[in-house]
Amino acid sequence: MNLLQREWREKKLLGWSFGGLWIFITAFLWSPSRDGLEGIYALAFFIPMLMLLPWRKPEFHQYGGWFSVSALAYASWCCITSFWGGDTGFFILQWLVLATWLLGSAWVLQRRVLDLEKLFAWLVVIGALAALLMIALFYKDHGLSERLEGKGLMRTPTVLGQVFGLVVLLATILSWRATDLKRTLLFFVAALCALGALALSQSRGPVLSLMLALLLAMVWIRPSLRVWVGQLAFLLSILILLIVFTPIEQMVVGRGVSLRDEIWLQVWQSMGSQPLSLLCGIGMSEVTVIATASGEFHHAHNAWLDIFYRTGVIGLLLALAHLILLLVRGAANAATKPLVIWLVYGLGCLLVDSRSLFWEVDAKWLLYWVPAALLAAQLSRAVVPATVSAATKQ
């Protein structure tokens, strides 16, 4: 029977998981909820990988090499800290979910080439359509002065701004890399659709992160002067019209200030009162309460500070080791620079929002673990010994 033949099973599971990888990544833009996204991940990728990975001989570079080792070392320490934080079972499950994603995507992309341009294009098209739909549905019942809220994963303005900021970034990269004027204009229009959603979310963190990522993209991609100057002139014209004909300055002032300084100060004071937590953290827990004068918050609104708070300097160093390895290796490879730009954008967003990186599957995965896994897989693919590469093509 074919089912008993390893080669036949792996071929079928490879096709299932490669298609599932595409479905899972795009689902961040169309999934009806976070629970729905987890269900999509389970059916599209988690199950086929569980049917495959435990029964194969471990081969270091085929599973992401040191990229996967460093990421799972951080995740493992998070699980250890849950013994004094609480909810250990929850975090062991998250370790298995993350390991399956990192190891599985590396294995799949060793055997099937990922067309980044096509993936970016699909994300841009779906993102532009989703932006227009969410704007139409929300402002049908709300005033333009209210912050845009979405559906599914993007139910809060900040997360919505983060996701559509990424769509703007990818659309702009594609417009700069396009070989003809028609494609340049199409991707620029898509970027404008997503930019409208980002602006209406009134989320400042994603805007600043987008500017940083676009500056890096301009240095690395070196778009045509005529293209980027024309795009910039158009955007400035739109901004001037908004300033003249709309009360945009009132919206900006009315947006008020964030409470992040209070949250961050409270976290530092809490850690200072518990010296041992500087080394080992307060421990990972599903519920964390940070009490400030303005109310209670459930995470530090800075992923790296939250990692330090929950897992101490040990967890922070392990997380930074994974990040630095990705950035150094990725920046040295021309083919992976778009993924590095994606990751840099995500890092900017995570500096002013989000909890620890080691958590359930949600929007922060699109900002960190998705580009991290794709980047590690692409880099690992380049260093697989020639004999292994030849064998996987058979």
Protein backbone atom coordinates (compact mmCIF):
# COMPACT_ATOMS: atom_id res chain seq x y z
CA MET A 1 0.00 0.00 0.00
CA ASN A 2 1.17 3.52 -0.78
CA LEU A 3 0.29 4.60 2.77
CA LEU A 4 3.03 2.34 4.14
CA GLN A 5 5.69 3.87 1.89
CA ARG A 6 7.60 6.69 3.56
CA GLU A 7 8.36 8.51 0.30
CA TRP A 8 4.69 8.53 -0.71
CA ARG A 9 3.55 9.80 2.72
CA GLU A 10 6.15 12.56 2.77
CA LYS A 11 5.22 13.70 -0.73
CA LYS A 12 1.54 13.99 0.21
CA LEU A 13 2.27 15.69 3.52
CA LEU A 14 4.67 18.08 1.78
CA GLY A 15 1.94 19.20 -0.62
CA TRP A 16 -0.55 19.55 2.24
CA SER A 17 1.77 21.56 4.48
CA PHE A 18 3.16 23.78 1.69
CA GLY A 19 -0.35 24.84 0.72
CA GLY A 20 -1.21 25.11 4.39
CA LEU A 21 1.71 27.46 4.98
CA TRP A 22 0.29 29.86 2.37
CA ILE A 23 -3.21 29.60 3.81
CA PHE A 24 -2.01 30.18 7.37
CA ILE A 25 0.06 33.28 6.55
CA THR A 26 -2.71 34.93 4.52
CA ALA A 27 -5.28 33.99 7.21
CA PHE A 28 -3.94 36.77 9.44
CA LEU A 29 -5.84 39.11 7.11
CA TRP A 30 -9.10 37.21 6.76
CA SER A 31 -9.51 34.89 9.75
CA PRO A 32 -12.78 35.63 11.60
CA SER A 33 -11.10 35.46 15.02
CA ARG A 34 -7.97 34.42 16.90
CA ASP A 35 -9.58 31.07 17.66
CA GLY A 36 -10.33 30.75 13.96
CA LEU A 37 -6.69 31.43 13.14
CA GLU A 38 -5.58 28.71 15.55
CA GLY A 39 -8.03 26.31 13.90
CA ILE A 40 -6.68 27.20 10.47
CA TYR A 41 -3.12 26.64 11.70
CA ALA A 42 -4.04 23.28 13.22
CA LEU A 43 -5.68 21.97 10.05
CA ALA A 44 -3.36 23.56 7.50
CA PHE A 45 0.04 23.00 9.10
CA PHE A 46 0.13 21.62 12.64
CA ILE A 47 -1.55 18.28 11.92
CA PRO A 48 0.50 17.36 8.83
CA MET A 49 3.70 18.28 10.65
CA LEU A 50 2.76 16.10 13.63
CA MET A 51 2.20 13.26 11.19
CA LEU A 52 5.66 13.80 9.76
CA LEU A 53 8.30 15.37 12.02
CA PRO A 54 8.29 12.89 14.96
CA TRP A 55 8.95 10.00 12.57
CA ARG A 56 11.89 11.47 10.69
CA LYS A 57 15.58 11.42 11.56
CA PRO A 58 16.61 14.88 12.82
CA GLU A 59 18.82 16.67 10.29
CA PHE A 60 20.18 19.89 11.73
CA HIS A 61 20.08 22.33 8.80
CA GLN A 62 16.85 20.92 7.37
CA TYR A 63 15.05 22.08 10.51
CA GLY A 64 16.39 25.62 10.70
CA GLY A 65 19.77 24.95 12.32
CA TRP A 66 20.87 27.44 14.96
CA PHE A 67 17.93 29.71 14.18
CA SER A 68 15.51 27.08 15.48
CA VAL A 69 17.82 26.08 18.36
CA SER A 70 18.10 29.66 19.65
CA ALA A 71 14.35 30.32 19.30
CA LEU A 72 13.39 27.11 21.10
CA ALA A 73 15.99 27.75 23.81
CA TYR A 74 14.16 31.01 24.56
CA ALA A 75 10.78 29.23 24.42
CA SER A 76 12.07 26.47 26.71
CA TRP A 77 13.23 28.99 29.31
CA CYS A 78 9.77 30.59 29.15
CA CYS A 79 8.26 27.18 29.95
CA ILE A 80 10.64 26.78 32.88
CA THR A 81 9.68 30.18 34.32
CA SER A 82 6.02 29.15 34.15
CA PHE A 83 6.74 26.87 37.14
CA TRP A 84 6.87 29.96 39.37
CA GLY A 85 4.53 32.00 37.18
CA GLY A 86 1.72 29.51 36.69
CA ASP A 87 -0.17 27.84 33.80
CA THR A 88 2.66 25.48 32.85
CA GLY A 89 0.43 23.26 30.71
CA PHE A 90 -0.63 26.22 28.57
CA PHE A 91 2.98 27.18 27.80
CA ILE A 92 4.11 23.63 27.07
CA LEU A 93 1.38 23.53 24.43
CA GLN A 94 2.63 26.87 23.02
CA TRP A 95 6.16 25.42 22.89
CA LEU A 96 4.88 22.54 20.77
CA VAL A 97 2.96 24.93 18.49
CA LEU A 98 6.00 27.17 17.99
CA ALA A 99 8.41 24.25 17.49
CA THR A 100 6.12 22.74 14.87
CA TRP A 101 6.00 26.06 13.02
CA LEU A 102 9.75 26.70 13.09
CA LEU A 103 10.92 23.17 12.33
CA GLY A 104 8.08 22.43 9.92
CA SER A 105 8.41 25.57 7.82
CA ALA A 106 12.17 25.00 7.57
CA TRP A 107 11.64 21.41 6.39
CA VAL A 108 8.89 22.31 3.92
CA LEU A 109 10.83 25.20 2.38
CA GLN A 110 13.91 23.01 1.93
CA ARG A 111 11.87 21.00 -0.56
CA ARG A 112 9.56 23.56 -2.09
CA VAL A 113 10.77 26.98 -3.20
CA LEU A 114 8.84 29.87 -1.66
CA ASP A 115 8.17 32.66 -4.16
CA LEU A 116 8.39 35.71 -1.89
CA GLU A 117 7.17 38.09 -4.61
CA LYS A 118 4.01 36.03 -5.05
CA LEU A 119 3.45 35.71 -1.30
CA PHE A 120 3.84 39.47 -0.85
CA ALA A 121 1.47 40.10 -3.77
CA TRP A 122 -1.23 37.88 -2.25
CA LEU A 123 -0.88 39.58 1.13
CA VAL A 124 -1.12 42.99 -0.53
CA VAL A 125 -4.21 42.15 -2.61
CA ILE A 126 -6.06 40.55 0.32
CA GLY A 127 -4.93 43.34 2.65
CA ALA A 128 -6.06 46.14 0.33
CA LEU A 129 -9.50 44.57 -0.11
CA ALA A 130 -9.81 43.94 3.64
CA ALA A 131 -8.87 47.57 4.36
CA LEU A 132 -11.56 48.93 2.05
CA LEU A 133 -14.17 46.56 3.47
CA MET A 134 -13.35 47.41 7.10
CA ILE A 135 -13.38 51.15 6.42
CA ALA A 136 -16.77 50.92 4.68
CA LEU A 137 -18.36 48.74 7.40
CA PHE A 138 -17.04 50.74 10.35
CA TYR A 139 -17.73 54.27 9.13
CA LYS A 140 -21.19 53.35 7.99
CA ASP A 141 -22.15 53.59 11.67
CA HIS A 142 -19.40 55.81 13.12
CA GLY A 143 -17.97 59.28 12.63
CA LEU A 144 -14.63 59.85 10.92
CA SER A 145 -13.15 61.16 14.17
CA GLU A 146 -13.43 57.72 15.78
CA ARG A 147 -10.52 55.26 15.62
CA LEU A 148 -11.06 52.52 13.07
CA GLU A 149 -11.72 49.10 14.58
CA GLY A 150 -11.82 45.90 12.58
CA LYS A 151 -12.96 42.33 12.84
CA GLY A 152 -11.22 39.10 13.71
CA LEU A 153 -7.60 39.56 14.76
CA MET A 154 -7.83 43.28 14.03
CA ARG A 155 -10.57 44.10 16.49
CA THR A 156 -8.49 46.80 18.22
CA PRO A 157 -7.20 49.96 16.47
CA THR A 158 -3.57 49.31 17.42
CA VAL A 159 -3.49 45.77 16.03
CA LEU A 160 -5.36 46.93 12.93
CA GLY A 161 -2.75 49.64 12.41
CA GLN A 162 0.07 47.11 12.79
CA VAL A 163 -1.39 44.68 10.26
CA PHE A 164 -2.26 47.28 7.62
CA GLY A 165 1.06 49.03 8.16
CA LEU A 166 2.68 45.76 7.09
CA VAL A 167 0.46 45.66 4.00
CA VAL A 168 1.57 49.22 3.12
CA LEU A 169 5.20 48.19 3.55
CA LEU A 170 4.94 45.09 1.34
CA ALA A 171 2.94 46.95 -1.32
CA THR A 172 5.53 49.74 -1.41
CA ILE A 173 8.39 47.25 -1.73
CA LEU A 174 6.61 45.56 -4.64
CA SER A 175 5.94 48.91 -6.32
CA TRP A 176 9.64 49.81 -6.03
CA ARG A 177 10.74 46.45 -7.42
CA ALA A 178 8.19 46.31 -10.25
CA THR A 179 9.65 46.18 -13.74
CA ASP A 180 6.84 48.08 -15.48
CA LEU A 181 4.79 51.19 -14.75
CA LYS A 182 1.45 49.35 -14.65
CA ARG A 183 2.50 47.08 -11.79
CA THR A 184 4.11 50.01 -9.98
CA LEU A 185 0.83 51.93 -10.08
CA LEU A 186 -1.28 48.93 -9.07
CA PHE A 187 0.83 48.20 -6.00
CA PHE A 188 0.91 51.90 -5.09
CA VAL A 189 -2.89 52.05 -5.21
CA ALA A 190 -3.03 48.96 -2.98
CA ALA A 191 -0.63 50.67 -0.59
CA LEU A 192 -2.92 53.72 -0.47
CA CYS A 193 -5.91 51.53 0.45
CA ALA A 194 -4.03 50.00 3.37
CA LEU A 195 -2.55 53.38 4.30
CA GLY A 196 -6.08 54.76 4.64
CA ALA A 197 -6.89 52.07 7.20
CA LEU A 198 -3.61 52.70 9.04
CA ALA A 199 -4.27 56.45 9.20
CA LEU A 200 -7.86 55.99 10.39
CA SER A 201 -6.69 53.64 13.16
CA GLN A 202 -4.76 56.64 14.56
CA SER A 203 -2.01 54.26 15.69
CA ARG A 204 1.26 56.12 15.99
CA GLY A 205 3.55 53.19 16.71
CA PRO A 206 2.90 51.43 13.38
CA VAL A 207 3.34 54.74 11.51
CA LEU A 208 6.76 55.33 13.03
CA SER A 209 7.73 51.69 12.45
CA LEU A 210 6.60 51.95 8.84
CA MET A 211 8.75 55.05 8.29
CA LEU A 212 11.80 53.26 9.71
CA ALA A 213 11.21 50.15 7.59
CA LEU A 214 10.64 52.19 4.42
CA LEU A 215 13.88 54.08 5.01
CA LEU A 216 15.73 50.78 5.30
CA ALA A 217 13.95 49.48 2.19
CA MET A 218 14.95 52.57 0.25
CA VAL A 219 18.62 52.05 1.15
CA TRP A 220 18.58 48.36 0.20
CA ILE A 221 16.21 48.33 -2.77
CA ARG A 222 17.29 51.65 -4.29
CA PRO A 223 14.04 52.41 -6.14
CA SER A 224 13.94 54.62 -9.20
CA LEU A 225 14.14 58.30 -8.27
CA ARG A 226 11.17 59.03 -10.51
CA VAL A 227 9.06 56.39 -8.78
CA TRP A 228 9.62 57.26 -5.13
CA VAL A 229 9.67 61.03 -5.66
CA GLY A 230 6.39 60.79 -7.57
CA GLN A 231 4.83 58.69 -4.80
CA LEU A 232 6.08 61.05 -2.10
CA ALA A 233 4.77 64.11 -3.97
CA PHE A 234 1.34 62.50 -4.29
CA LEU A 235 1.22 61.66 -0.58
CA LEU A 236 2.27 65.19 0.39
CA SER A 237 -0.45 66.61 -1.84
CA ILE A 238 -3.05 64.44 -0.12
CA LEU A 239 -1.75 65.51 3.30
CA ILE A 240 -1.97 69.19 2.37
CA LEU A 241 -5.55 68.75 1.17
CA LEU A 242 -6.46 67.01 4.43
CA ILE A 243 -4.94 69.82 6.49
CA VAL A 244 -6.78 72.48 4.48
CA PHE A 245 -10.21 70.87 4.14
CA THR A 246 -10.56 68.63 7.23
CA PRO A 247 -10.10 69.15 10.99
CA ILE A 248 -7.20 66.71 11.00
CA GLU A 249 -5.26 68.73 13.59
CA GLN A 250 -8.19 68.40 16.01
CA MET A 251 -8.17 64.63 15.49
CA VAL A 252 -4.45 64.50 16.22
CA VAL A 253 -4.79 66.56 19.40
CA GLY A 254 -7.93 64.70 20.44
CA ARG A 255 -6.09 61.40 20.16
CA GLY A 256 -4.42 62.27 23.45
CA VAL A 257 -1.35 60.65 24.98
CA SER A 258 -0.70 57.00 25.65
CA LEU A 259 -0.18 55.62 29.13
CA ARG A 260 2.89 53.60 28.21
CA ASP A 261 5.24 55.70 30.32
CA GLU A 262 3.15 54.87 33.40
CA ILE A 263 3.09 51.17 32.53
CA TRP A 264 6.82 50.97 31.85
CA LEU A 265 7.67 52.87 35.05
CA GLN A 266 5.46 50.56 37.10
CA VAL A 267 7.15 47.49 35.59
CA TRP A 268 10.61 48.82 36.47
CA GLN A 269 9.53 49.68 40.00
CA SER A 270 8.01 46.23 40.46
CA MET A 271 11.19 44.52 39.30
CA GLY A 272 13.32 46.78 41.49
CA SER A 273 11.36 45.64 44.53
CA GLN A 274 12.06 41.98 43.65
CA PRO A 275 15.82 41.75 42.87
CA LEU A 276 15.67 38.05 41.99
CA SER A 277 13.17 38.84 39.21
CA LEU A 278 15.90 40.77 37.38
CA LEU A 279 17.61 37.44 36.73
CA CYS A 280 14.71 35.01 36.38
CA GLY A 281 11.63 37.21 35.95
CA ILE A 282 8.28 36.95 37.68
CA GLY A 283 7.50 33.88 35.58
CA MET A 284 5.27 33.26 32.60
CA SER A 285 1.55 33.30 33.36
CA GLU A 286 -1.62 33.60 31.32
CA VAL A 287 -2.70 36.50 33.54
CA THR A 288 -0.49 39.41 34.59
CA VAL A 289 -1.81 42.52 36.31
CA ILE A 290 0.18 45.75 36.13
CA ALA A 291 -1.55 48.29 38.36
CA THR A 292 -0.99 51.99 37.59
CA ALA A 293 -2.70 55.19 38.68
CA SER A 294 -4.70 55.08 35.45
CA GLY A 295 -5.92 51.50 35.81
CA GLU A 296 -4.84 47.89 35.39
CA PHE A 297 -3.00 46.52 32.36
CA HIS A 298 -2.19 42.93 31.44
CA HIS A 299 1.16 43.32 29.72
CA ALA A 300 4.01 45.81 29.49
CA HIS A 301 3.07 47.21 26.04
CA ASN A 302 6.63 46.58 24.94
CA ALA A 303 7.48 43.01 23.94
CA TRP A 304 11.10 43.23 25.06
CA LEU A 305 10.30 44.82 28.41
CA ASP A 306 7.58 42.20 28.87
CA ILE A 307 10.12 39.44 28.17
CA PHE A 308 12.48 40.98 30.73
CA TYR A 309 9.63 41.33 33.26
CA ARG A 310 8.39 37.76 32.88
CA THR A 311 11.62 35.82 32.19
CA GLY A 312 14.41 38.08 33.49
CA VAL A 313 17.73 38.85 31.91
CA ILE A 314 18.16 35.16 30.99
CA GLY A 315 15.04 35.15 28.85
CA LEU A 316 15.86 38.54 27.34
CA LEU A 317 19.36 37.44 26.31
CA LEU A 318 18.04 34.22 24.78
CA ALA A 319 15.42 36.14 22.78
CA LEU A 320 17.99 38.71 21.64
CA ALA A 321 20.39 35.94 20.58
CA HIS A 322 17.76 34.58 18.20
CA LEU A 323 16.93 38.06 16.88
CA ILE A 324 20.55 39.12 16.35
CA LEU A 325 21.38 35.87 14.57
CA LEU A 326 18.48 36.45 12.17
CA LEU A 327 19.30 40.10 11.51
CA VAL A 328 23.04 39.60 10.98
CA ARG A 329 22.67 36.62 8.67
CA GLY A 330 19.61 37.97 6.89
CA ALA A 331 21.12 41.40 6.19
CA ALA A 332 24.14 39.75 4.56
CA ASN A 333 21.97 37.91 2.03
CA ALA A 334 20.43 39.96 -0.79
CA ALA A 335 17.62 37.46 -1.37
CA THR A 336 16.37 37.65 2.23
CA LYS A 337 16.54 41.43 2.74
CA PRO A 338 12.77 41.91 2.12
CA LEU A 339 12.11 39.53 5.00
CA VAL A 340 14.56 41.44 7.19
CA ILE A 341 12.66 44.65 6.37
CA TRP A 342 9.41 42.90 7.35
CA LEU A 343 11.02 41.80 10.63
CA VAL A 344 12.37 45.31 11.35
CA TYR A 345 8.88 46.72 10.89
CA GLY A 346 7.53 44.14 13.33
CA LEU A 347 10.23 44.97 15.86
CA GLY A 348 9.26 48.64 15.75
CA CYS A 349 5.63 47.78 16.42
CA LEU A 350 6.55 45.43 19.26
CA LEU A 351 8.56 48.14 21.00
CA VAL A 352 5.40 50.12 21.79
CA ASP A 353 2.83 47.35 22.10
CA SER A 354 2.38 43.62 22.67
CA ARG A 355 3.29 41.18 25.39
CA SER A 356 6.03 38.53 25.41
CA LEU A 357 6.86 36.96 22.04
CA PHE A 358 6.21 33.50 23.47
CA TRP A 359 2.45 33.38 23.52
CA GLU A 360 -0.51 31.92 21.69
CA VAL A 361 -0.94 32.40 17.94
CA ASP A 362 -2.17 35.96 17.38
CA ALA A 363 -1.28 39.13 15.47
CA LYS A 364 2.22 39.33 16.96
CA TRP A 365 3.09 36.17 15.03
CA LEU A 366 2.65 38.13 11.81
CA LEU A 367 5.09 40.71 13.14
CA TYR A 368 7.75 38.30 14.42
CA TRP A 369 7.40 34.53 14.16
CA VAL A 370 6.17 34.44 10.55
CA PRO A 371 9.04 36.53 9.08
CA ALA A 372 11.48 34.89 11.51
CA ALA A 373 10.53 31.39 10.34
CA LEU A 374 10.56 32.31 6.65
CA LEU A 375 13.90 34.07 7.04
CA ALA A 376 15.46 31.13 8.92
CA ALA A 377 14.13 28.68 6.32
CA GLN A 378 15.53 30.68 3.42
CA LEU A 379 18.92 31.08 5.09
CA SER A 380 19.10 27.41 6.11
CA ARG A 381 18.23 26.37 2.57
CA ALA A 382 21.36 28.11 1.34
CA VAL A 383 23.70 26.15 3.62
CA VAL A 384 22.34 22.62 3.25
CA PRO A 385 25.12 20.35 1.97
CA ALA A 386 24.99 19.63 -1.75
CA THR A 387 24.34 15.94 -1.19
CA VAL A 388 21.26 16.67 0.89
CA SER A 389 20.01 19.20 -1.66
CA ALA A 390 20.40 16.69 -4.44
CA ALA A 391 18.53 14.05 -2.48
CA THR A 392 15.57 16.32 -1.77
CA LYS A 393 15.11 17.07 -5.48
CA GLN A 394 14.60 13.44 -6.38
